[in-house]
Amino acid sequence: MLADLSEAKVAEQLSISVHTVHSHTERLYRKLLVGSRSELVTRIFRTYVQLNGYREEVIAASQGEPSAPSGPIPALTEF
């Protein structure tokens, strides 16, 4: 989902049906209380940032403060 693949592409890569991908996606949305892919990605990113100690640095950067992260933020694909 983070790679912005369609359900059809995900199904093809995993050798499962599009219906199965859709069912799993809907269950994930319900469990995480989100209503769209963008909400899901936002929730994942925020959780990742909180768990990895970047919260203060990201907040500071979003408010235009000049502090830079103390280390590189790993790609989201490293989940």
N, C-alpha and C. Protein backbone atom coordinates (compact mmCIF):
# COMPACT_ATOMS: atom_id res chain seq x y z
N MET A 1 0.82 -1.19 0.00
CA MET A 1 0.00 0.00 0.00
C MET A 1 0.87 1.26 0.00
N LEU A 2 1.98 1.18 0.69
CA LEU A 2 2.86 2.34 0.73
C LEU A 2 3.48 2.61 -0.63
N ALA A 3 3.58 1.58 -1.45
CA ALA A 3 4.15 1.75 -2.79
C ALA A 3 3.13 2.29 -3.77
N ASP A 4 1.91 2.55 -3.30
CA ASP A 4 0.82 3.10 -4.10
C ASP A 4 0.44 2.18 -5.27
N LEU A 5 0.47 0.89 -5.01
CA LEU A 5 0.05 -0.08 -6.03
C LEU A 5 -1.46 -0.26 -5.97
N SER A 6 -2.05 -0.52 -7.10
CA SER A 6 -3.48 -0.81 -7.12
C SER A 6 -3.72 -2.18 -6.52
N GLU A 7 -4.96 -2.44 -6.16
CA GLU A 7 -5.30 -3.76 -5.62
C GLU A 7 -4.99 -4.84 -6.64
N ALA A 8 -5.20 -4.56 -7.91
CA ALA A 8 -4.91 -5.54 -8.97
C ALA A 8 -3.42 -5.86 -9.02
N LYS A 9 -2.57 -4.84 -8.89
CA LYS A 9 -1.12 -5.07 -8.92
C LYS A 9 -0.66 -5.84 -7.69
N VAL A 10 -1.22 -5.52 -6.53
CA VAL A 10 -0.87 -6.24 -5.31
C VAL A 10 -1.28 -7.70 -5.46
N ALA A 11 -2.48 -7.94 -5.96
CA ALA A 11 -2.96 -9.31 -6.17
C ALA A 11 -2.05 -10.07 -7.12
N GLU A 12 -1.64 -9.41 -8.18
CA GLU A 12 -0.75 -10.05 -9.15
C GLU A 12 0.59 -10.41 -8.52
N GLN A 13 1.16 -9.49 -7.77
CA GLN A 13 2.47 -9.73 -7.15
C GLN A 13 2.42 -10.81 -6.09
N LEU A 14 1.28 -10.93 -5.40
CA LEU A 14 1.15 -11.93 -4.33
C LEU A 14 0.50 -13.22 -4.81
N SER A 15 0.10 -13.26 -6.06
CA SER A 15 -0.58 -14.42 -6.64
C SER A 15 -1.84 -14.80 -5.87
N ILE A 16 -2.63 -13.77 -5.57
CA ILE A 16 -3.93 -13.96 -4.92
C ILE A 16 -4.97 -13.17 -5.70
N SER A 17 -6.22 -13.36 -5.37
CA SER A 17 -7.27 -12.66 -6.11
C SER A 17 -7.39 -11.21 -5.64
N VAL A 18 -7.93 -10.38 -6.53
CA VAL A 18 -8.19 -8.99 -6.19
C VAL A 18 -9.20 -8.93 -5.04
N HIS A 19 -10.16 -9.83 -5.04
CA HIS A 19 -11.15 -9.88 -3.96
C HIS A 19 -10.46 -10.10 -2.60
N THR A 20 -9.48 -10.98 -2.56
CA THR A 20 -8.75 -11.25 -1.31
C THR A 20 -8.00 -9.99 -0.85
N VAL A 21 -7.35 -9.31 -1.77
CA VAL A 21 -6.64 -8.07 -1.42
C VAL A 21 -7.63 -7.06 -0.87
N HIS A 22 -8.76 -6.91 -1.55
CA HIS A 22 -9.77 -5.95 -1.12
C HIS A 22 -10.30 -6.30 0.28
N SER A 23 -10.57 -7.58 0.52
CA SER A 23 -11.08 -8.01 1.83
C SER A 23 -10.08 -7.71 2.94
N HIS A 24 -8.81 -8.02 2.70
CA HIS A 24 -7.77 -7.76 3.71
C HIS A 24 -7.63 -6.25 3.94
N THR A 25 -7.70 -5.48 2.87
CA THR A 25 -7.59 -4.03 2.99
C THR A 25 -8.73 -3.47 3.82
N GLU A 26 -9.95 -3.92 3.54
CA GLU A 26 -11.10 -3.45 4.31
C GLU A 26 -10.99 -3.81 5.79
N ARG A 27 -10.52 -5.01 6.09
CA ARG A 27 -10.34 -5.41 7.49
C ARG A 27 -9.29 -4.54 8.18
N LEU A 28 -8.22 -4.25 7.47
CA LEU A 28 -7.17 -3.39 8.01
C LEU A 28 -7.72 -2.00 8.31
N TYR A 29 -8.50 -1.45 7.40
CA TYR A 29 -9.13 -0.14 7.62
C TYR A 29 -9.98 -0.16 8.89
N ARG A 30 -10.80 -1.20 9.03
CA ARG A 30 -11.69 -1.29 10.20
C ARG A 30 -10.89 -1.40 11.49
N LYS A 31 -9.86 -2.24 11.49
CA LYS A 31 -9.06 -2.43 12.71
C LYS A 31 -8.32 -1.16 13.12
N LEU A 32 -7.87 -0.40 12.13
CA LEU A 32 -7.11 0.82 12.42
C LEU A 32 -7.97 2.08 12.44
N LEU A 33 -9.28 1.89 12.26
CA LEU A 33 -10.24 2.99 12.29
C LEU A 33 -9.91 4.09 11.29
N VAL A 34 -9.61 3.68 10.07
CA VAL A 34 -9.36 4.64 8.98
C VAL A 34 -10.35 4.35 7.86
N GLY A 35 -10.53 5.33 6.98
CA GLY A 35 -11.50 5.17 5.92
C GLY A 35 -10.93 5.21 4.52
N SER A 36 -9.61 5.41 4.41
CA SER A 36 -9.01 5.49 3.08
C SER A 36 -7.55 5.10 3.14
N ARG A 37 -6.99 4.90 1.98
CA ARG A 37 -5.57 4.55 1.87
C ARG A 37 -4.70 5.69 2.41
N SER A 38 -5.07 6.93 2.10
CA SER A 38 -4.26 8.05 2.59
C SER A 38 -4.29 8.15 4.11
N GLU A 39 -5.45 7.89 4.72
CA GLU A 39 -5.52 7.87 6.18
C GLU A 39 -4.66 6.74 6.74
N LEU A 40 -4.67 5.60 6.09
CA LEU A 40 -3.87 4.47 6.54
C LEU A 40 -2.39 4.80 6.49
N VAL A 41 -1.94 5.37 5.38
CA VAL A 41 -0.52 5.73 5.24
C VAL A 41 -0.13 6.78 6.28
N THR A 42 -1.01 7.74 6.52
CA THR A 42 -0.74 8.75 7.55
C THR A 42 -0.62 8.10 8.92
N ARG A 43 -1.53 7.19 9.25
CA ARG A 43 -1.49 6.50 10.54
C ARG A 43 -0.19 5.70 10.67
N ILE A 44 0.20 4.99 9.62
CA ILE A 44 1.44 4.20 9.65
C ILE A 44 2.64 5.11 9.86
N PHE A 45 2.69 6.21 9.11
CA PHE A 45 3.82 7.12 9.22
C PHE A 45 3.92 7.72 10.62
N ARG A 46 2.79 8.18 11.15
CA ARG A 46 2.80 8.78 12.50
C ARG A 46 3.24 7.78 13.55
N THR A 47 2.75 6.55 13.44
CA THR A 47 3.15 5.51 14.40
C THR A 47 4.63 5.22 14.27
N TYR A 48 5.11 5.12 13.05
CA TYR A 48 6.53 4.86 12.81
C TYR A 48 7.40 5.97 13.41
N VAL A 49 7.00 7.21 13.19
CA VAL A 49 7.75 8.35 13.72
C VAL A 49 7.76 8.31 15.25
N GLN A 50 6.62 8.04 15.85
CA GLN A 50 6.54 7.99 17.31
C GLN A 50 7.39 6.86 17.87
N LEU A 51 7.36 5.71 17.25
CA LEU A 51 8.11 4.57 17.76
C LEU A 51 9.61 4.71 17.58
N ASN A 52 10.03 5.53 16.64
CA ASN A 52 11.44 5.66 16.35
C ASN A 52 12.06 6.97 16.81
N GLY A 53 11.34 7.72 17.64
CA GLY A 53 11.90 8.90 18.28
C GLY A 53 12.07 10.12 17.40
N TYR A 54 11.40 10.19 16.27
CA TYR A 54 11.53 11.35 15.39
C TYR A 54 10.43 12.37 15.63
N ARG A 55 9.54 12.10 16.54
CA ARG A 55 8.35 12.94 16.74
C ARG A 55 8.71 14.42 16.94
N GLU A 56 9.56 14.72 17.89
CA GLU A 56 9.88 16.11 18.18
C GLU A 56 10.55 16.77 16.98
N GLU A 57 11.43 16.05 16.31
CA GLU A 57 12.14 16.62 15.17
C GLU A 57 11.19 16.89 14.01
N VAL A 58 10.23 15.99 13.80
CA VAL A 58 9.27 16.17 12.72
C VAL A 58 8.34 17.34 13.04
N ILE A 59 7.90 17.44 14.29
CA ILE A 59 7.03 18.54 14.70
C ILE A 59 7.78 19.86 14.53
N ALA A 60 9.02 19.91 14.98
CA ALA A 60 9.81 21.14 14.85
C ALA A 60 9.96 21.53 13.38
N ALA A 61 10.24 20.57 12.54
CA ALA A 61 10.41 20.85 11.12
C ALA A 61 9.10 21.34 10.50
N SER A 62 7.98 20.76 10.91
CA SER A 62 6.69 21.16 10.35
C SER A 62 6.29 22.55 10.79
N GLN A 63 6.87 23.04 11.90
CA GLN A 63 6.56 24.37 12.40
C GLN A 63 7.60 25.39 11.94
N GLY A 64 8.48 24.97 11.04
CA GLY A 64 9.46 25.88 10.48
C GLY A 64 10.67 26.15 11.34
N GLU A 65 10.84 25.37 12.41
CA GLU A 65 12.01 25.55 13.25
C GLU A 65 13.24 24.99 12.54
N PRO A 66 14.39 25.59 12.75
CA PRO A 66 15.59 25.20 12.00
C PRO A 66 16.27 23.91 12.45
N SER A 67 15.73 23.19 13.42
CA SER A 67 16.42 21.98 13.87
C SER A 67 16.28 20.86 12.84
N ALA A 68 17.38 20.19 12.59
CA ALA A 68 17.39 19.09 11.63
C ALA A 68 17.37 17.78 12.39
N PRO A 69 16.87 16.71 11.78
CA PRO A 69 16.89 15.40 12.44
C PRO A 69 18.31 15.00 12.80
N SER A 70 18.46 14.28 13.90
CA SER A 70 19.79 13.87 14.36
C SER A 70 20.36 12.74 13.53
N GLY A 71 19.56 12.11 12.75
CA GLY A 71 20.02 11.04 11.88
C GLY A 71 19.06 10.88 10.73
N PRO A 72 19.44 10.13 9.73
CA PRO A 72 18.56 9.98 8.58
C PRO A 72 17.29 9.21 8.96
N ILE A 73 16.18 9.62 8.42
CA ILE A 73 14.94 8.91 8.63
C ILE A 73 14.89 7.80 7.58
N PRO A 74 14.84 6.54 8.03
CA PRO A 74 14.85 5.42 7.09
C PRO A 74 13.62 5.46 6.17
N ALA A 75 13.79 4.87 5.02
CA ALA A 75 12.68 4.81 4.06
C ALA A 75 11.52 4.05 4.70
N LEU A 76 10.31 4.43 4.35
CA LEU A 76 9.14 3.78 4.92
C LEU A 76 9.04 2.32 4.52
N THR A 77 9.78 1.92 3.49
CA THR A 77 9.74 0.52 3.07
C THR A 77 10.48 -0.39 4.03
N GLU A 78 11.16 0.16 5.03
CA GLU A 78 11.91 -0.66 5.98
C GLU A 78 11.07 -1.14 7.14
N PHE A 79 9.75 -0.98 7.07
CA PHE A 79 8.86 -1.39 8.15
C PHE A 79 9.09 -2.85 8.44
